[in-house]
Amino acid sequence: MVTHKEKIVIKNREPFDDEDGWQFLVKLGKFEFIIDVDREYWMDLTEEKMTPEELVQESFRFLLEREPKESILSQFNLQTIQRYFPEYENTIKVAIT
């Protein structure tokens, strides 16, 4: 779980070479994660009602409610979450409304 000392910090956003998405560096305490977000997936999931940064932030909140930060993959595409947690996309859609 996230404690008051553990803030989810998104350090930077780099576009993919083909501009079809972004790569984010996310810091959680001493842990760093590299997260890829495909533009099409972001648009389908959020209907552009939240920014890609907000989606990454909300996705980390989702993950931290289900597993410790030590268990989160250090590098992954956001779509991977759905494979491990089938409720992910519905949870994000509810958070948007």
N, C-alpha and C. Protein backbone atom coordinates (compact mmCIF):
# COMPACT_ATOMS: atom_id res chain seq x y z
N MET A 1 0.84 -1.19 0.00
CA MET A 1 0.00 0.00 0.00
C MET A 1 0.88 1.26 0.00
N VAL A 2 0.35 2.31 -0.54
CA VAL A 2 1.06 3.58 -0.55
C VAL A 2 0.88 4.25 0.80
N THR A 3 1.98 4.65 1.42
CA THR A 3 1.89 5.39 2.67
C THR A 3 2.07 6.87 2.36
N HIS A 4 1.89 7.70 3.39
CA HIS A 4 2.02 9.13 3.17
C HIS A 4 3.44 9.51 2.72
N LYS A 5 4.43 8.66 2.99
CA LYS A 5 5.80 8.95 2.59
C LYS A 5 6.10 8.49 1.16
N GLU A 6 5.25 7.66 0.61
CA GLU A 6 5.50 7.10 -0.72
C GLU A 6 4.62 7.78 -1.76
N LYS A 7 5.19 8.74 -2.43
CA LYS A 7 4.45 9.45 -3.46
C LYS A 7 4.79 8.85 -4.81
N ILE A 8 3.80 8.77 -5.66
CA ILE A 8 4.01 8.32 -7.04
C ILE A 8 4.44 9.55 -7.83
N VAL A 9 5.68 9.54 -8.31
CA VAL A 9 6.22 10.69 -9.02
C VAL A 9 6.51 10.29 -10.46
N ILE A 10 5.91 11.00 -11.38
CA ILE A 10 6.17 10.77 -12.80
C ILE A 10 7.24 11.77 -13.21
N LYS A 11 8.42 11.25 -13.51
CA LYS A 11 9.57 12.11 -13.74
C LYS A 11 9.64 12.69 -15.15
N ASN A 12 9.28 11.92 -16.15
CA ASN A 12 9.32 12.47 -17.50
C ASN A 12 8.43 11.67 -18.44
N ARG A 13 8.18 12.27 -19.56
CA ARG A 13 7.34 11.66 -20.59
C ARG A 13 8.06 11.82 -21.92
N GLU A 14 8.40 10.71 -22.53
CA GLU A 14 9.10 10.72 -23.81
C GLU A 14 8.20 10.08 -24.86
N PRO A 15 7.99 10.74 -25.99
CA PRO A 15 7.19 10.11 -27.05
C PRO A 15 7.97 8.97 -27.70
N PHE A 16 7.24 7.94 -28.15
CA PHE A 16 7.86 6.89 -28.95
C PHE A 16 8.36 7.53 -30.24
N ASP A 17 9.33 6.90 -30.88
CA ASP A 17 9.87 7.42 -32.14
C ASP A 17 8.79 7.62 -33.19
N ASP A 18 7.83 6.71 -33.23
CA ASP A 18 6.77 6.82 -34.24
C ASP A 18 5.57 7.64 -33.75
N GLU A 19 5.69 8.23 -32.56
CA GLU A 19 4.65 9.08 -31.97
C GLU A 19 3.35 8.33 -31.68
N ASP A 20 3.43 7.01 -31.57
CA ASP A 20 2.24 6.21 -31.27
C ASP A 20 2.05 5.96 -29.78
N GLY A 21 2.76 6.70 -28.96
CA GLY A 21 2.62 6.54 -27.52
C GLY A 21 3.74 7.24 -26.78
N TRP A 22 3.87 6.90 -25.49
CA TRP A 22 4.84 7.57 -24.63
C TRP A 22 5.50 6.56 -23.71
N GLN A 23 6.67 6.95 -23.23
CA GLN A 23 7.34 6.18 -22.19
C GLN A 23 7.53 7.10 -20.99
N PHE A 24 7.16 6.60 -19.83
CA PHE A 24 7.24 7.37 -18.60
C PHE A 24 8.24 6.75 -17.64
N LEU A 25 8.95 7.60 -16.91
CA LEU A 25 9.76 7.15 -15.79
C LEU A 25 8.96 7.48 -14.54
N VAL A 26 8.66 6.46 -13.77
CA VAL A 26 7.86 6.62 -12.56
C VAL A 26 8.72 6.26 -11.37
N LYS A 27 8.71 7.12 -10.35
CA LYS A 27 9.46 6.85 -9.12
C LYS A 27 8.48 6.65 -7.97
N LEU A 28 8.80 5.65 -7.18
CA LEU A 28 8.02 5.36 -5.98
C LEU A 28 9.04 5.05 -4.90
N GLY A 29 9.35 6.08 -4.10
CA GLY A 29 10.44 5.93 -3.14
C GLY A 29 11.74 5.71 -3.90
N LYS A 30 12.47 4.67 -3.53
CA LYS A 30 13.74 4.37 -4.20
C LYS A 30 13.56 3.50 -5.44
N PHE A 31 12.34 3.11 -5.73
CA PHE A 31 12.05 2.25 -6.88
C PHE A 31 11.74 3.09 -8.11
N GLU A 32 12.24 2.64 -9.27
CA GLU A 32 11.94 3.29 -10.54
C GLU A 32 11.32 2.29 -11.50
N PHE A 33 10.39 2.79 -12.29
CA PHE A 33 9.67 1.96 -13.24
C PHE A 33 9.64 2.67 -14.58
N ILE A 34 9.76 1.91 -15.65
CA ILE A 34 9.63 2.46 -17.00
C ILE A 34 8.34 1.90 -17.57
N ILE A 35 7.43 2.81 -17.90
CA ILE A 35 6.08 2.43 -18.32
C ILE A 35 5.81 2.94 -19.73
N ASP A 36 5.41 2.03 -20.60
CA ASP A 36 5.02 2.40 -21.96
C ASP A 36 3.50 2.50 -22.04
N VAL A 37 3.04 3.54 -22.71
CA VAL A 37 1.60 3.74 -22.92
C VAL A 37 1.38 3.95 -24.42
N ASP A 38 0.67 3.03 -25.04
CA ASP A 38 0.33 3.18 -26.45
C ASP A 38 -0.79 4.19 -26.61
N ARG A 39 -0.65 5.09 -27.56
CA ARG A 39 -1.65 6.15 -27.79
C ARG A 39 -3.05 5.57 -28.00
N GLU A 40 -3.15 4.54 -28.84
CA GLU A 40 -4.46 3.95 -29.14
C GLU A 40 -5.10 3.35 -27.89
N TYR A 41 -4.30 2.68 -27.07
CA TYR A 41 -4.81 2.08 -25.83
C TYR A 41 -5.30 3.18 -24.88
N TRP A 42 -4.51 4.25 -24.75
CA TRP A 42 -4.90 5.37 -23.89
C TRP A 42 -6.22 5.98 -24.38
N MET A 43 -6.35 6.18 -25.68
CA MET A 43 -7.57 6.77 -26.22
C MET A 43 -8.77 5.86 -26.00
N ASP A 44 -8.61 4.57 -26.25
CA ASP A 44 -9.71 3.61 -26.06
C ASP A 44 -10.13 3.52 -24.60
N LEU A 45 -9.15 3.46 -23.70
CA LEU A 45 -9.44 3.26 -22.29
C LEU A 45 -10.01 4.51 -21.63
N THR A 46 -9.50 5.67 -21.97
CA THR A 46 -9.89 6.89 -21.26
C THR A 46 -10.81 7.81 -22.05
N GLU A 47 -10.98 7.54 -23.34
CA GLU A 47 -11.72 8.45 -24.22
C GLU A 47 -11.18 9.87 -24.10
N GLU A 48 -9.88 9.97 -23.79
CA GLU A 48 -9.16 11.24 -23.63
C GLU A 48 -9.72 12.10 -22.50
N LYS A 49 -10.36 11.47 -21.52
CA LYS A 49 -10.92 12.20 -20.38
C LYS A 49 -9.90 12.37 -19.26
N MET A 50 -8.74 11.72 -19.40
CA MET A 50 -7.62 11.97 -18.50
C MET A 50 -6.36 11.94 -19.35
N THR A 51 -5.35 12.63 -18.89
CA THR A 51 -4.09 12.68 -19.64
C THR A 51 -3.36 11.35 -19.50
N PRO A 52 -2.40 11.09 -20.38
CA PRO A 52 -1.60 9.88 -20.21
C PRO A 52 -0.92 9.82 -18.84
N GLU A 53 -0.44 10.96 -18.35
CA GLU A 53 0.18 11.01 -17.02
C GLU A 53 -0.81 10.61 -15.94
N GLU A 54 -2.02 11.12 -16.03
CA GLU A 54 -3.06 10.77 -15.05
C GLU A 54 -3.39 9.28 -15.11
N LEU A 55 -3.39 8.72 -16.31
CA LEU A 55 -3.65 7.29 -16.45
C LEU A 55 -2.54 6.48 -15.78
N VAL A 56 -1.31 6.86 -15.97
CA VAL A 56 -0.19 6.16 -15.32
C VAL A 56 -0.32 6.28 -13.81
N GLN A 57 -0.63 7.47 -13.32
CA GLN A 57 -0.80 7.69 -11.87
C GLN A 57 -1.91 6.80 -11.32
N GLU A 58 -3.04 6.81 -11.97
CA GLU A 58 -4.19 6.01 -11.52
C GLU A 58 -3.88 4.51 -11.61
N SER A 59 -3.13 4.13 -12.62
CA SER A 59 -2.75 2.72 -12.78
C SER A 59 -1.84 2.27 -11.65
N PHE A 60 -0.93 3.13 -11.22
CA PHE A 60 -0.07 2.78 -10.09
C PHE A 60 -0.86 2.71 -8.80
N ARG A 61 -1.81 3.59 -8.61
CA ARG A 61 -2.68 3.48 -7.43
C ARG A 61 -3.39 2.12 -7.43
N PHE A 62 -3.91 1.75 -8.59
CA PHE A 62 -4.59 0.47 -8.76
C PHE A 62 -3.65 -0.68 -8.37
N LEU A 63 -2.45 -0.67 -8.92
CA LEU A 63 -1.50 -1.75 -8.63
C LEU A 63 -1.13 -1.81 -7.15
N LEU A 64 -0.89 -0.67 -6.55
CA LEU A 64 -0.46 -0.63 -5.15
C LEU A 64 -1.55 -1.05 -4.18
N GLU A 65 -2.80 -1.01 -4.61
CA GLU A 65 -3.89 -1.53 -3.79
C GLU A 65 -3.91 -3.06 -3.82
N ARG A 66 -3.17 -3.66 -4.75
CA ARG A 66 -3.23 -5.10 -4.96
C ARG A 66 -1.92 -5.83 -4.71
N GLU A 67 -0.82 -5.11 -4.72
CA GLU A 67 0.47 -5.76 -4.50
C GLU A 67 1.49 -4.73 -4.01
N PRO A 68 2.53 -5.22 -3.31
CA PRO A 68 3.57 -4.29 -2.85
C PRO A 68 4.41 -3.79 -4.03
N LYS A 69 4.99 -2.63 -3.85
CA LYS A 69 5.79 -2.04 -4.94
C LYS A 69 6.93 -2.95 -5.38
N GLU A 70 7.43 -3.77 -4.47
CA GLU A 70 8.52 -4.69 -4.79
C GLU A 70 8.08 -5.75 -5.81
N SER A 71 6.79 -5.99 -5.91
CA SER A 71 6.27 -7.01 -6.83
C SER A 71 5.93 -6.46 -8.21
N ILE A 72 5.91 -5.15 -8.36
CA ILE A 72 5.56 -4.53 -9.64
C ILE A 72 6.75 -4.66 -10.60
N LEU A 73 6.46 -5.07 -11.82
CA LEU A 73 7.51 -5.18 -12.83
C LEU A 73 8.22 -3.84 -13.01
N SER A 74 9.51 -3.86 -13.21
CA SER A 74 10.26 -2.61 -13.32
C SER A 74 10.06 -1.93 -14.68
N GLN A 75 9.64 -2.69 -15.68
CA GLN A 75 9.37 -2.12 -17.00
C GLN A 75 8.23 -2.91 -17.64
N PHE A 76 7.20 -2.18 -18.10
CA PHE A 76 6.09 -2.86 -18.75
C PHE A 76 5.24 -1.88 -19.53
N ASN A 77 4.43 -2.43 -20.42
CA ASN A 77 3.44 -1.66 -21.15
C ASN A 77 2.17 -1.67 -20.31
N LEU A 78 1.49 -0.55 -20.23
CA LEU A 78 0.30 -0.45 -19.39
C LEU A 78 -0.74 -1.53 -19.70
N GLN A 79 -0.82 -1.96 -20.93
CA GLN A 79 -1.79 -3.01 -21.29
C GLN A 79 -1.54 -4.31 -20.55
N THR A 80 -0.32 -4.52 -20.07
CA THR A 80 0.04 -5.75 -19.36
C THR A 80 -0.77 -5.91 -18.08
N ILE A 81 -1.17 -4.82 -17.47
CA ILE A 81 -1.90 -4.90 -16.19
C ILE A 81 -3.16 -5.74 -16.34
N GLN A 82 -3.87 -5.57 -17.44
CA GLN A 82 -5.12 -6.30 -17.67
C GLN A 82 -4.91 -7.81 -17.66
N ARG A 83 -3.75 -8.25 -18.10
CA ARG A 83 -3.45 -9.69 -18.13
C ARG A 83 -3.38 -10.27 -16.71
N TYR A 84 -2.83 -9.50 -15.78
CA TYR A 84 -2.69 -9.96 -14.40
C TYR A 84 -3.91 -9.64 -13.54
N PHE A 85 -4.57 -8.54 -13.87
CA PHE A 85 -5.72 -8.08 -13.09
C PHE A 85 -6.87 -7.77 -14.06
N PRO A 86 -7.74 -8.75 -14.31
CA PRO A 86 -8.82 -8.58 -15.30
C PRO A 86 -9.76 -7.41 -15.00
N GLU A 87 -9.81 -6.95 -13.77
CA GLU A 87 -10.70 -5.85 -13.40
C GLU A 87 -10.09 -4.47 -13.69
N TYR A 88 -8.85 -4.43 -14.13
CA TYR A 88 -8.13 -3.17 -14.31
C TYR A 88 -8.87 -2.16 -15.20
N GLU A 89 -9.20 -2.54 -16.41
CA GLU A 89 -9.80 -1.58 -17.34
C GLU A 89 -11.13 -1.06 -16.83
N ASN A 90 -11.96 -1.91 -16.26
CA ASN A 90 -13.24 -1.44 -15.71
C ASN A 90 -13.01 -0.49 -14.54
N THR A 91 -12.02 -0.78 -13.72
CA THR A 91 -11.71 0.09 -12.58
C THR A 91 -11.28 1.47 -13.07
N ILE A 92 -10.46 1.52 -14.09
CA ILE A 92 -10.01 2.81 -14.64
C ILE A 92 -11.20 3.56 -15.24
N LYS A 93 -12.05 2.87 -15.96
CA LYS A 93 -13.22 3.53 -16.57
C LYS A 93 -14.14 4.11 -15.50
N VAL A 94 -14.30 3.41 -14.39
CA VAL A 94 -15.12 3.92 -13.28
C VAL A 94 -14.45 5.15 -12.67
N ALA A 95 -13.13 5.13 -12.54
CA ALA A 95 -12.41 6.26 -11.96
C ALA A 95 -12.55 7.52 -12.80
N ILE A 96 -12.74 7.34 -14.09
CA ILE A 96 -12.87 8.49 -15.00
C ILE A 96 -14.22 9.18 -14.83
N THR A 97 -15.25 8.40 -14.55
CA THR A 97 -16.60 8.97 -14.48
C THR A 97 -16.88 9.66 -13.18
